[in-house]
Amino acid sequence: MSKIPMISGKDTVKALAKIGFEYRRQVGSHMILKRESDGKRISVLNHHELPKGTLRAIIREAELTVEKFIELL
């Protein structure tokens, strides 16, 4: 298992955009992304550093492995 990187919410959004997720709106500190191809919706915190558990949950929700996510960065 690869080590989870410490990255910001904005960098996470940029990585997820490479696999089709689009920024839709922001509610408080949560950025809402949606992928049109399957209608999948993901919420990402707009923080300087995401907690590792939160980032792992986002990666799992996007149906990626940690290794694939790191390649997108």
N, C-alpha and C. Protein backbone atom coordinates (compact mmCIF):
# COMPACT_ATOMS: atom_id res chain seq x y z
N MET A 1 0.84 -1.18 0.00
CA MET A 1 0.00 0.00 0.00
C MET A 1 0.88 1.24 0.00
N SER A 2 0.56 2.18 -0.87
CA SER A 2 1.33 3.42 -0.96
C SER A 2 0.98 4.37 0.17
N LYS A 3 1.92 5.21 0.47
CA LYS A 3 1.72 6.21 1.51
C LYS A 3 0.83 7.33 0.97
N ILE A 4 -0.13 7.73 1.78
CA ILE A 4 -1.04 8.82 1.39
C ILE A 4 -0.28 10.14 1.45
N PRO A 5 -0.32 10.95 0.39
CA PRO A 5 0.38 12.23 0.41
C PRO A 5 -0.40 13.28 1.21
N MET A 6 0.29 14.28 1.70
CA MET A 6 -0.37 15.40 2.36
C MET A 6 -0.56 16.48 1.30
N ILE A 7 -1.80 16.65 0.84
CA ILE A 7 -2.09 17.64 -0.19
C ILE A 7 -3.31 18.45 0.21
N SER A 8 -3.51 19.54 -0.52
CA SER A 8 -4.63 20.43 -0.23
C SER A 8 -5.90 19.95 -0.93
N GLY A 9 -7.00 20.52 -0.53
CA GLY A 9 -8.27 20.21 -1.18
C GLY A 9 -8.26 20.64 -2.63
N LYS A 10 -7.66 21.79 -2.93
CA LYS A 10 -7.62 22.28 -4.31
C LYS A 10 -6.79 21.36 -5.20
N ASP A 11 -5.68 20.82 -4.68
CA ASP A 11 -4.88 19.87 -5.46
C ASP A 11 -5.65 18.57 -5.69
N THR A 12 -6.46 18.19 -4.73
CA THR A 12 -7.30 17.00 -4.87
C THR A 12 -8.32 17.21 -5.98
N VAL A 13 -8.92 18.39 -6.02
CA VAL A 13 -9.90 18.71 -7.07
C VAL A 13 -9.23 18.66 -8.44
N LYS A 14 -8.01 19.21 -8.56
CA LYS A 14 -7.29 19.19 -9.84
C LYS A 14 -7.02 17.76 -10.30
N ALA A 15 -6.64 16.88 -9.36
CA ALA A 15 -6.38 15.48 -9.71
C ALA A 15 -7.67 14.78 -10.14
N LEU A 16 -8.76 15.02 -9.43
CA LEU A 16 -10.02 14.37 -9.77
C LEU A 16 -10.59 14.90 -11.10
N ALA A 17 -10.25 16.13 -11.45
CA ALA A 17 -10.70 16.69 -12.73
C ALA A 17 -10.12 15.90 -13.90
N LYS A 18 -8.97 15.30 -13.71
CA LYS A 18 -8.32 14.52 -14.77
C LYS A 18 -9.08 13.24 -15.10
N ILE A 19 -9.96 12.80 -14.20
CA ILE A 19 -10.76 11.60 -14.48
C ILE A 19 -12.24 11.95 -14.66
N GLY A 20 -12.51 13.22 -14.98
CA GLY A 20 -13.87 13.60 -15.37
C GLY A 20 -14.71 14.32 -14.34
N PHE A 21 -14.22 14.53 -13.12
CA PHE A 21 -15.00 15.25 -12.13
C PHE A 21 -14.91 16.74 -12.39
N GLU A 22 -16.05 17.42 -12.30
CA GLU A 22 -16.12 18.86 -12.53
C GLU A 22 -16.56 19.56 -11.25
N TYR A 23 -15.93 20.71 -10.98
CA TYR A 23 -16.32 21.53 -9.83
C TYR A 23 -17.71 22.09 -10.12
N ARG A 24 -18.63 21.92 -9.18
CA ARG A 24 -19.99 22.42 -9.35
C ARG A 24 -20.28 23.65 -8.50
N ARG A 25 -19.99 23.53 -7.20
CA ARG A 25 -20.29 24.64 -6.29
C ARG A 25 -19.54 24.41 -4.99
N GLN A 26 -19.64 25.41 -4.10
CA GLN A 26 -19.04 25.28 -2.79
C GLN A 26 -20.08 25.61 -1.74
N VAL A 27 -20.18 24.77 -0.75
CA VAL A 27 -21.10 24.97 0.37
C VAL A 27 -20.24 25.02 1.62
N GLY A 28 -20.07 26.20 2.18
CA GLY A 28 -19.18 26.36 3.33
C GLY A 28 -17.76 26.05 2.91
N SER A 29 -17.12 25.08 3.57
CA SER A 29 -15.76 24.72 3.21
C SER A 29 -15.71 23.45 2.35
N HIS A 30 -16.86 23.01 1.84
CA HIS A 30 -16.92 21.79 1.03
C HIS A 30 -17.11 22.13 -0.44
N MET A 31 -16.18 21.66 -1.28
CA MET A 31 -16.29 21.82 -2.72
C MET A 31 -17.00 20.57 -3.25
N ILE A 32 -18.04 20.78 -4.04
CA ILE A 32 -18.83 19.69 -4.57
C ILE A 32 -18.43 19.44 -6.02
N LEU A 33 -18.06 18.18 -6.32
CA LEU A 33 -17.66 17.78 -7.66
C LEU A 33 -18.65 16.76 -8.18
N LYS A 34 -18.84 16.74 -9.51
CA LYS A 34 -19.74 15.76 -10.10
C LYS A 34 -19.14 15.27 -11.41
N ARG A 35 -19.30 13.97 -11.67
CA ARG A 35 -18.86 13.39 -12.92
C ARG A 35 -20.11 13.07 -13.73
N GLU A 36 -20.23 13.68 -14.91
CA GLU A 36 -21.42 13.54 -15.74
C GLU A 36 -21.61 12.12 -16.27
N SER A 37 -20.52 11.42 -16.55
CA SER A 37 -20.64 10.11 -17.18
C SER A 37 -21.46 9.11 -16.35
N ASP A 38 -21.32 9.17 -15.04
CA ASP A 38 -22.06 8.24 -14.18
C ASP A 38 -22.85 8.94 -13.07
N GLY A 39 -22.80 10.27 -13.02
CA GLY A 39 -23.56 11.02 -12.02
C GLY A 39 -22.98 10.97 -10.62
N LYS A 40 -21.77 10.44 -10.47
CA LYS A 40 -21.12 10.33 -9.16
C LYS A 40 -20.80 11.72 -8.61
N ARG A 41 -21.06 11.93 -7.32
CA ARG A 41 -20.83 13.21 -6.66
C ARG A 41 -19.88 13.00 -5.49
N ILE A 42 -18.91 13.91 -5.36
CA ILE A 42 -17.92 13.83 -4.28
C ILE A 42 -17.79 15.21 -3.64
N SER A 43 -17.64 15.22 -2.33
CA SER A 43 -17.43 16.44 -1.57
C SER A 43 -15.98 16.46 -1.07
N VAL A 44 -15.28 17.58 -1.32
CA VAL A 44 -13.87 17.71 -0.92
C VAL A 44 -13.74 18.95 -0.04
N LEU A 45 -13.07 18.81 1.10
CA LEU A 45 -12.84 19.95 1.99
C LEU A 45 -11.86 20.92 1.35
N ASN A 46 -12.12 22.19 1.49
CA ASN A 46 -11.23 23.22 0.96
C ASN A 46 -10.28 23.65 2.08
N HIS A 47 -9.31 22.77 2.39
CA HIS A 47 -8.32 23.03 3.44
C HIS A 47 -6.92 22.98 2.83
N HIS A 48 -5.94 23.56 3.53
CA HIS A 48 -4.56 23.54 3.06
C HIS A 48 -4.00 22.12 3.06
N GLU A 49 -4.34 21.34 4.06
CA GLU A 49 -3.93 19.93 4.14
C GLU A 49 -5.13 19.11 4.55
N LEU A 50 -5.45 18.10 3.74
CA LEU A 50 -6.55 17.21 4.09
C LEU A 50 -6.05 16.14 5.06
N PRO A 51 -6.83 15.81 6.06
CA PRO A 51 -6.46 14.69 6.94
C PRO A 51 -6.35 13.41 6.10
N LYS A 52 -5.41 12.54 6.46
CA LYS A 52 -5.15 11.34 5.67
C LYS A 52 -6.38 10.44 5.54
N GLY A 53 -7.13 10.29 6.60
CA GLY A 53 -8.33 9.46 6.55
C GLY A 53 -9.39 10.03 5.62
N THR A 54 -9.51 11.36 5.62
CA THR A 54 -10.46 12.03 4.74
C THR A 54 -10.05 11.85 3.29
N LEU A 55 -8.76 12.03 3.00
CA LEU A 55 -8.27 11.86 1.64
C LEU A 55 -8.46 10.41 1.18
N ARG A 56 -8.20 9.47 2.06
CA ARG A 56 -8.38 8.05 1.70
C ARG A 56 -9.85 7.77 1.36
N ALA A 57 -10.77 8.38 2.12
CA ALA A 57 -12.21 8.20 1.86
C ALA A 57 -12.59 8.80 0.51
N ILE A 58 -12.03 9.96 0.17
CA ILE A 58 -12.30 10.60 -1.12
C ILE A 58 -11.79 9.72 -2.26
N ILE A 59 -10.59 9.17 -2.09
CA ILE A 59 -10.01 8.29 -3.11
C ILE A 59 -10.90 7.05 -3.29
N ARG A 60 -11.35 6.48 -2.20
CA ARG A 60 -12.22 5.30 -2.26
C ARG A 60 -13.55 5.65 -2.94
N GLU A 61 -14.10 6.83 -2.61
CA GLU A 61 -15.36 7.26 -3.20
C GLU A 61 -15.24 7.45 -4.71
N ALA A 62 -14.07 7.89 -5.15
CA ALA A 62 -13.82 8.11 -6.58
C ALA A 62 -13.49 6.79 -7.29
N GLU A 63 -13.51 5.68 -6.55
CA GLU A 63 -13.23 4.35 -7.07
C GLU A 63 -11.82 4.26 -7.66
N LEU A 64 -10.85 4.82 -6.93
CA LEU A 64 -9.44 4.79 -7.32
C LEU A 64 -8.64 4.04 -6.26
N THR A 65 -7.44 3.65 -6.63
CA THR A 65 -6.49 3.16 -5.64
C THR A 65 -5.58 4.33 -5.29
N VAL A 66 -4.87 4.21 -4.20
CA VAL A 66 -3.95 5.28 -3.79
C VAL A 66 -2.88 5.48 -4.87
N GLU A 67 -2.41 4.37 -5.45
CA GLU A 67 -1.37 4.45 -6.49
C GLU A 67 -1.87 5.22 -7.71
N LYS A 68 -3.11 4.94 -8.14
CA LYS A 68 -3.69 5.63 -9.31
C LYS A 68 -3.88 7.11 -8.99
N PHE A 69 -4.30 7.41 -7.75
CA PHE A 69 -4.51 8.81 -7.36
C PHE A 69 -3.18 9.56 -7.39
N ILE A 70 -2.12 8.95 -6.89
CA ILE A 70 -0.80 9.59 -6.89
C ILE A 70 -0.35 9.86 -8.32
N GLU A 71 -0.64 8.96 -9.26
CA GLU A 71 -0.30 9.18 -10.66
C GLU A 71 -1.02 10.41 -11.23
N LEU A 72 -2.23 10.69 -10.74
CA LEU A 72 -3.00 11.84 -11.23
C LEU A 72 -2.43 13.18 -10.73
N LEU A 73 -1.68 13.13 -9.63
CA LEU A 73 -1.10 14.36 -9.08
C LEU A 73 -0.02 14.82 -10.00
